[in-house]
Amino acid sequence: MRKRTGPRPAKRHKRLNRSPLTTALLAVILAGLGMFMALPLLYAVVSAFKPLEEFFLFPPRFMVINPTLENFTQMSQLISNLWISFDRYLFNTVMVSVVSTVTYILIASLAAYPLAKHRFAGRRAIRSIITTALMFTAAVTGVVQYVILAFIGLIDTYGALILPSLANTMGVFLCMQNLETIPGEMLESGRMDGAGEYRIWWSLVMPNIKPVLATMVIFQFQSVWNITAGNVVYSEALKPLPTAMTQITTAGISRAGVGSAVAMLLMIPPILLFILAQRKVMETMVNSGIKG
């Protein structure tokens, strides 16, 4: 059989069956929606540079009139007067966020693999429980979580911050949905080569669900980064950064500007993480059948 040596034909792209006017109208609508969704972030940034008197103008102003760095200066002074050093609070938040995110990814992917690619008794019931658990928020399960943490002796420890964050079944659900797209023949070829189930999970499954893993990193990191957990951690040396930031802004309206500066700083890491992995998030939503 002769090998083709000529240039490859150009790949044809399907044309959308809609008029240029419809395309322009959709672009305008989507741009408007994007700007509307960006307004809260823009307002948070603008408010961080507002002097205190501009918070109480009537009618209220969206943009800052006389920008200032006084809010950040006051925040720095308040942080320097904290009972525990700022570095300790930052370490607690970073450590808990990283440990929780890595552990969450490993547990969710390990649980989703047999649920998606193996047949065993009770499989459908477990999948139904995982899907049903998505409807419950942290406010519903908060009391139960506290009772469990108290029973196993994790109150006022790092475990009280990490363990509840692992109880979210969204990661298992996303992994199961994406694992359905992996052909069984590929996994079977690994078994024929002598690979065990853990080796298949690590070498075949994990590389093929990178988009969903990136999505889980974003969701989990953002959730844990913003955790306060003041009801399960009482020692000041164990409290995360958001708790310390909340404490320095609890002096009423006189700290409104400082509170805005704190909010802006706390939202920077999750936003940067999302920007870096946003394409993976969209790919995950498509493969999972989740419509935006």
Protein backbone atom coordinates (compact mmCIF):
# COMPACT_ATOMS: atom_id res chain seq x y z
CA MET A 1 0.00 0.00 0.00
CA ARG A 2 1.50 3.31 -1.13
CA LYS A 3 2.06 5.91 1.51
CA ARG A 4 0.55 9.27 0.78
CA THR A 5 3.24 11.93 0.51
CA GLY A 6 1.23 14.95 -0.58
CA PRO A 7 0.00 17.68 1.72
CA ARG A 8 -2.87 16.78 3.98
CA PRO A 9 -6.22 18.28 3.04
CA ALA A 10 -7.32 21.17 5.17
CA LYS A 11 -9.66 20.24 7.97
CA ARG A 12 -13.14 21.47 7.32
CA HIS A 13 -14.98 23.29 10.05
CA LYS A 14 -18.74 23.20 10.27
CA ARG A 15 -20.40 26.51 9.65
CA LEU A 16 -23.04 27.67 12.06
CA ASN A 17 -26.42 28.01 10.42
CA ARG A 18 -27.19 31.56 11.55
CA SER A 19 -27.04 35.02 10.08
CA PRO A 20 -24.31 37.60 10.85
CA LEU A 21 -26.95 39.73 12.57
CA THR A 22 -27.81 36.88 14.96
CA THR A 23 -24.12 36.30 15.67
CA ALA A 24 -23.58 40.00 16.42
CA LEU A 25 -26.66 40.08 18.66
CA LEU A 26 -25.46 37.05 20.61
CA ALA A 27 -22.02 38.62 21.00
CA VAL A 28 -23.57 41.80 22.41
CA ILE A 29 -25.79 39.85 24.82
CA LEU A 30 -22.91 37.67 26.04
CA ALA A 31 -20.64 40.70 26.44
CA GLY A 32 -23.34 42.44 28.46
CA LEU A 33 -23.83 39.39 30.68
CA GLY A 34 -20.08 39.10 31.17
CA MET A 35 -19.80 42.74 32.21
CA PHE A 36 -22.78 42.37 34.56
CA MET A 37 -21.20 39.32 36.23
CA ALA A 38 -17.89 41.17 36.59
CA LEU A 39 -19.48 44.12 38.41
CA PRO A 40 -19.25 42.57 41.93
CA LEU A 41 -15.54 41.90 41.47
CA LEU A 42 -14.98 45.40 40.11
CA TYR A 43 -16.92 46.92 42.99
CA ALA A 44 -14.87 44.95 45.52
CA VAL A 45 -11.64 46.30 44.01
CA VAL A 46 -12.96 49.87 43.78
CA SER A 47 -14.23 49.82 47.38
CA ALA A 48 -10.80 48.84 48.65
CA PHE A 49 -9.48 52.24 47.51
CA LYS A 50 -12.38 54.36 48.76
CA PRO A 51 -11.85 56.72 51.70
CA LEU A 52 -14.23 56.11 54.59
CA GLU A 53 -16.46 59.11 53.86
CA GLU A 54 -17.25 57.84 50.35
CA PHE A 55 -18.92 54.73 51.77
CA PHE A 56 -21.74 56.89 53.15
CA LEU A 57 -22.41 59.19 50.22
CA PHE A 58 -26.02 59.52 49.05
CA PRO A 59 -26.77 58.68 46.38
CA PRO A 60 -24.05 56.02 46.56
CA ARG A 61 -21.25 56.12 43.99
CA PHE A 62 -19.98 53.02 42.23
CA MET A 63 -16.57 54.42 41.27
CA VAL A 64 -14.12 55.94 43.70
CA ILE A 65 -13.77 59.73 43.64
CA ASN A 66 -10.60 60.23 45.68
CA PRO A 67 -8.65 56.95 45.66
CA THR A 68 -6.47 56.28 48.67
CA LEU A 69 -4.26 53.59 50.18
CA GLU A 70 -5.34 54.46 53.72
CA ASN A 71 -7.43 51.28 53.99
CA PHE A 72 -4.39 49.11 53.32
CA THR A 73 -2.30 51.16 55.72
CA GLN A 74 -4.84 50.68 58.51
CA MET A 75 -5.11 46.99 57.68
CA SER A 76 -1.34 46.63 57.95
CA GLN A 77 -1.33 48.36 61.34
CA LEU A 78 -4.15 46.15 62.63
CA ILE A 79 -2.41 43.01 61.41
CA SER A 80 0.80 44.00 63.19
CA ASN A 81 -1.14 44.29 66.45
CA LEU A 82 -2.71 40.84 66.25
CA TRP A 83 -2.13 38.50 69.16
CA ILE A 84 -0.74 35.82 66.82
CA SER A 85 1.58 36.78 63.98
CA PHE A 86 0.13 37.17 60.49
CA ASP A 87 2.53 34.50 59.19
CA ARG A 88 0.89 31.93 61.46
CA TYR A 89 -2.59 32.68 60.13
CA LEU A 90 -1.32 32.54 56.56
CA PHE A 91 0.46 29.23 57.21
CA ASN A 92 -2.73 27.73 58.65
CA THR A 93 -4.78 28.69 55.62
CA VAL A 94 -2.22 27.59 53.03
CA MET A 95 -1.51 24.31 54.80
CA VAL A 96 -5.17 23.43 55.28
CA SER A 97 -6.03 24.43 51.69
CA VAL A 98 -3.22 22.38 50.13
CA VAL A 99 -3.71 19.28 52.30
CA SER A 100 -7.47 19.38 51.85
CA THR A 101 -7.29 19.86 48.08
CA VAL A 102 -4.76 17.07 47.47
CA THR A 103 -6.57 14.65 49.78
CA TYR A 104 -9.92 15.52 48.22
CA ILE A 105 -8.66 14.79 44.70
CA LEU A 106 -7.20 11.43 45.69
CA ILE A 107 -10.29 10.29 47.63
CA ALA A 108 -12.79 11.48 45.02
CA SER A 109 -10.98 9.88 42.08
CA LEU A 110 -10.41 6.64 43.96
CA ALA A 111 -14.09 6.45 44.90
CA ALA A 112 -15.34 7.37 41.43
CA TYR A 113 -13.23 4.79 39.56
CA PRO A 114 -14.98 1.62 40.81
CA LEU A 115 -18.38 3.34 40.79
CA ALA A 116 -17.97 4.21 37.11
CA LYS A 117 -16.06 1.24 35.74
CA HIS A 118 -16.96 -1.75 37.92
CA ARG A 119 -20.17 -3.64 38.59
CA PHE A 120 -20.89 -4.71 42.17
CA ALA A 121 -23.80 -5.02 44.57
CA GLY A 122 -25.06 -1.69 45.88
CA ARG A 123 -23.42 0.35 43.13
CA ARG A 124 -26.61 2.07 42.03
CA ALA A 125 -27.59 2.85 45.60
CA ILE A 126 -24.22 4.47 46.30
CA ARG A 127 -24.43 6.54 43.11
CA SER A 128 -27.91 7.70 44.10
CA ILE A 129 -26.69 8.72 47.56
CA ILE A 130 -23.81 10.70 46.02
CA THR A 131 -26.17 12.51 43.66
CA THR A 132 -28.71 13.21 46.41
CA ALA A 133 -26.00 14.58 48.72
CA LEU A 134 -25.34 17.36 46.21
CA MET A 135 -28.60 19.01 47.30
CA PHE A 136 -27.48 19.52 50.91
CA THR A 137 -25.53 22.64 51.84
CA ALA A 138 -23.07 23.12 54.68
CA ALA A 139 -25.75 24.89 56.70
CA VAL A 140 -27.85 21.71 56.71
CA THR A 141 -25.04 19.38 57.75
CA GLY A 142 -23.24 21.77 60.12
CA VAL A 143 -24.73 20.40 63.34
CA VAL A 144 -24.12 16.79 62.32
CA GLN A 145 -20.53 17.57 61.39
CA TYR A 146 -19.92 19.24 64.74
CA VAL A 147 -21.31 16.21 66.63
CA ILE A 148 -19.10 13.84 64.62
CA LEU A 149 -15.99 15.99 65.09
CA ALA A 150 -16.64 16.18 68.83
CA PHE A 151 -17.20 12.43 69.05
CA ILE A 152 -13.88 11.57 67.37
CA GLY A 153 -12.01 14.29 69.27
CA LEU A 154 -11.08 16.62 66.41
CA ILE A 155 -12.52 19.83 67.83
CA ASP A 156 -9.88 22.56 68.04
CA THR A 157 -7.47 20.76 65.70
CA TYR A 158 -6.48 21.09 62.05
CA GLY A 159 -8.61 18.02 61.41
CA ALA A 160 -11.71 20.04 62.24
CA LEU A 161 -10.87 22.27 59.26
CA ILE A 162 -9.81 19.54 56.84
CA LEU A 163 -12.22 16.65 57.45
CA PRO A 164 -15.53 18.48 56.78
CA SER A 165 -14.14 19.83 53.50
CA LEU A 166 -13.69 16.27 52.25
CA ALA A 167 -17.40 15.46 52.64
CA ASN A 168 -18.41 17.22 49.40
CA THR A 169 -19.60 14.68 46.82
CA MET A 170 -19.33 17.05 43.86
CA GLY A 171 -15.82 15.80 43.06
CA VAL A 172 -16.95 12.16 43.03
CA PHE A 173 -19.87 13.06 40.78
CA LEU A 174 -17.68 14.94 38.28
CA CYS A 175 -15.12 12.13 38.22
CA MET A 176 -17.81 9.50 37.63
CA GLN A 177 -19.29 11.47 34.74
CA ASN A 178 -15.89 11.93 33.10
CA LEU A 179 -14.83 8.33 33.68
CA GLU A 180 -17.84 7.21 31.66
CA THR A 181 -16.14 8.68 28.58
CA ILE A 182 -13.02 6.52 29.00
CA PRO A 183 -13.31 3.36 26.84
CA GLY A 184 -13.27 0.13 28.81
CA GLU A 185 -10.92 -1.41 26.24
CA MET A 186 -8.12 0.90 27.35
CA LEU A 187 -8.47 -0.20 30.97
CA GLU A 188 -8.74 -3.84 29.92
CA SER A 189 -5.50 -3.57 27.95
CA GLY A 190 -3.81 -2.40 31.14
CA ARG A 191 -5.09 -5.47 32.99
CA MET A 192 -3.81 -7.70 30.19
CA ASP A 193 -0.37 -6.13 30.64
CA GLY A 194 -0.43 -7.17 34.29
CA ALA A 195 -1.32 -3.86 35.88
CA GLY A 196 -3.34 -3.91 39.09
CA GLU A 197 -6.34 -1.70 39.76
CA TYR A 198 -4.32 0.91 41.65
CA ARG A 199 -1.77 1.07 38.81
CA ILE A 200 -4.59 1.43 36.27
CA TRP A 201 -6.13 4.21 38.35
CA TRP A 202 -2.85 6.10 38.63
CA SER A 203 -1.40 5.50 35.14
CA LEU A 204 -4.51 5.37 32.95
CA VAL A 205 -7.43 6.97 34.76
CA MET A 206 -5.76 10.01 36.34
CA PRO A 207 -4.05 11.29 33.14
CA ASN A 208 -7.35 11.03 31.25
CA ILE A 209 -9.36 13.09 33.73
CA LYS A 210 -6.97 16.04 34.06
CA PRO A 211 -9.68 18.60 33.21
CA VAL A 212 -11.94 17.41 36.02
CA LEU A 213 -8.99 17.31 38.42
CA ALA A 214 -8.22 20.94 37.60
CA THR A 215 -11.87 21.82 38.19
CA MET A 216 -11.83 20.05 41.55
CA VAL A 217 -8.68 21.94 42.54
CA ILE A 218 -10.41 25.26 41.83
CA PHE A 219 -13.64 24.44 43.65
CA GLN A 220 -11.98 22.82 46.65
CA PHE A 221 -9.24 25.40 47.06
CA GLN A 222 -11.71 28.27 46.87
CA SER A 223 -14.00 26.60 49.40
CA VAL A 224 -11.25 25.87 51.93
CA TRP A 225 -9.39 29.16 51.39
CA ASN A 226 -12.45 31.11 52.56
CA ILE A 227 -13.23 28.88 55.54
CA THR A 228 -13.50 30.50 58.98
CA ALA A 229 -14.58 27.57 61.18
CA GLY A 230 -14.80 29.68 64.30
CA ASN A 231 -17.26 27.20 65.79
CA VAL A 232 -14.85 24.23 65.67
CA VAL A 233 -11.45 25.89 66.26
CA TYR A 234 -10.93 27.97 69.39
CA SER A 235 -7.15 28.18 69.70
CA GLU A 236 -5.89 31.37 68.09
CA ALA A 237 -2.77 29.62 66.79
CA LEU A 238 -4.93 27.23 64.71
CA LYS A 239 -7.32 29.74 63.18
CA PRO A 240 -7.13 30.37 59.41
CA LEU A 241 -6.49 33.71 57.76
CA PRO A 242 -10.15 34.62 56.95
CA THR A 243 -10.97 34.34 60.67
CA ALA A 244 -8.19 36.78 61.57
CA MET A 245 -9.27 39.14 58.81
CA THR A 246 -12.85 39.02 60.08
CA GLN A 247 -11.69 39.85 63.59
CA ILE A 248 -9.93 43.05 62.53
CA THR A 249 -13.04 44.30 60.70
CA THR A 250 -15.56 43.82 63.51
CA ALA A 251 -15.36 47.36 64.89
CA GLY A 252 -18.45 48.54 63.01
CA ILE A 253 -18.73 51.08 60.22
CA SER A 254 -15.38 52.67 61.11
CA ARG A 255 -13.67 49.61 59.57
CA ALA A 256 -15.72 49.57 56.36
CA GLY A 257 -12.73 50.55 54.24
CA VAL A 258 -10.44 48.04 55.95
CA GLY A 259 -13.05 45.34 55.38
CA SER A 260 -13.07 46.12 51.66
CA ALA A 261 -9.28 45.93 51.52
CA VAL A 262 -9.35 42.58 53.32
CA ALA A 263 -12.02 41.24 50.96
CA MET A 264 -9.97 42.23 47.92
CA LEU A 265 -6.82 40.53 49.20
CA LEU A 266 -8.64 37.33 50.14
CA MET A 267 -10.24 36.93 46.74
CA ILE A 268 -6.99 37.26 44.75
CA PRO A 269 -5.65 33.65 45.09
CA PRO A 270 -8.92 31.88 44.09
CA ILE A 271 -9.39 34.24 41.13
CA LEU A 272 -5.84 33.69 39.89
CA LEU A 273 -6.28 29.93 40.20
CA PHE A 274 -9.52 30.08 38.23
CA ILE A 275 -7.96 32.20 35.47
CA LEU A 276 -5.13 29.70 35.06
CA ALA A 277 -7.46 26.70 34.78
CA GLN A 278 -10.69 28.11 33.33
CA ARG A 279 -10.38 26.15 30.07
CA LYS A 280 -10.21 22.91 32.02
CA VAL A 281 -13.35 23.90 33.90
CA MET A 282 -15.33 24.39 30.70
CA GLU A 283 -14.09 21.07 29.32
CA THR A 284 -15.16 19.33 32.52
CA MET A 285 -18.65 20.82 32.39
CA VAL A 286 -19.07 19.67 28.79
CA ASN A 287 -17.95 16.11 29.55
CA SER A 288 -20.09 15.98 32.69
CA GLY A 289 -23.24 17.04 30.92
CA ILE A 290 -23.61 20.14 33.12
CA LYS A 291 -25.08 23.09 31.31
CA GLY A 292 -24.15 26.61 32.31
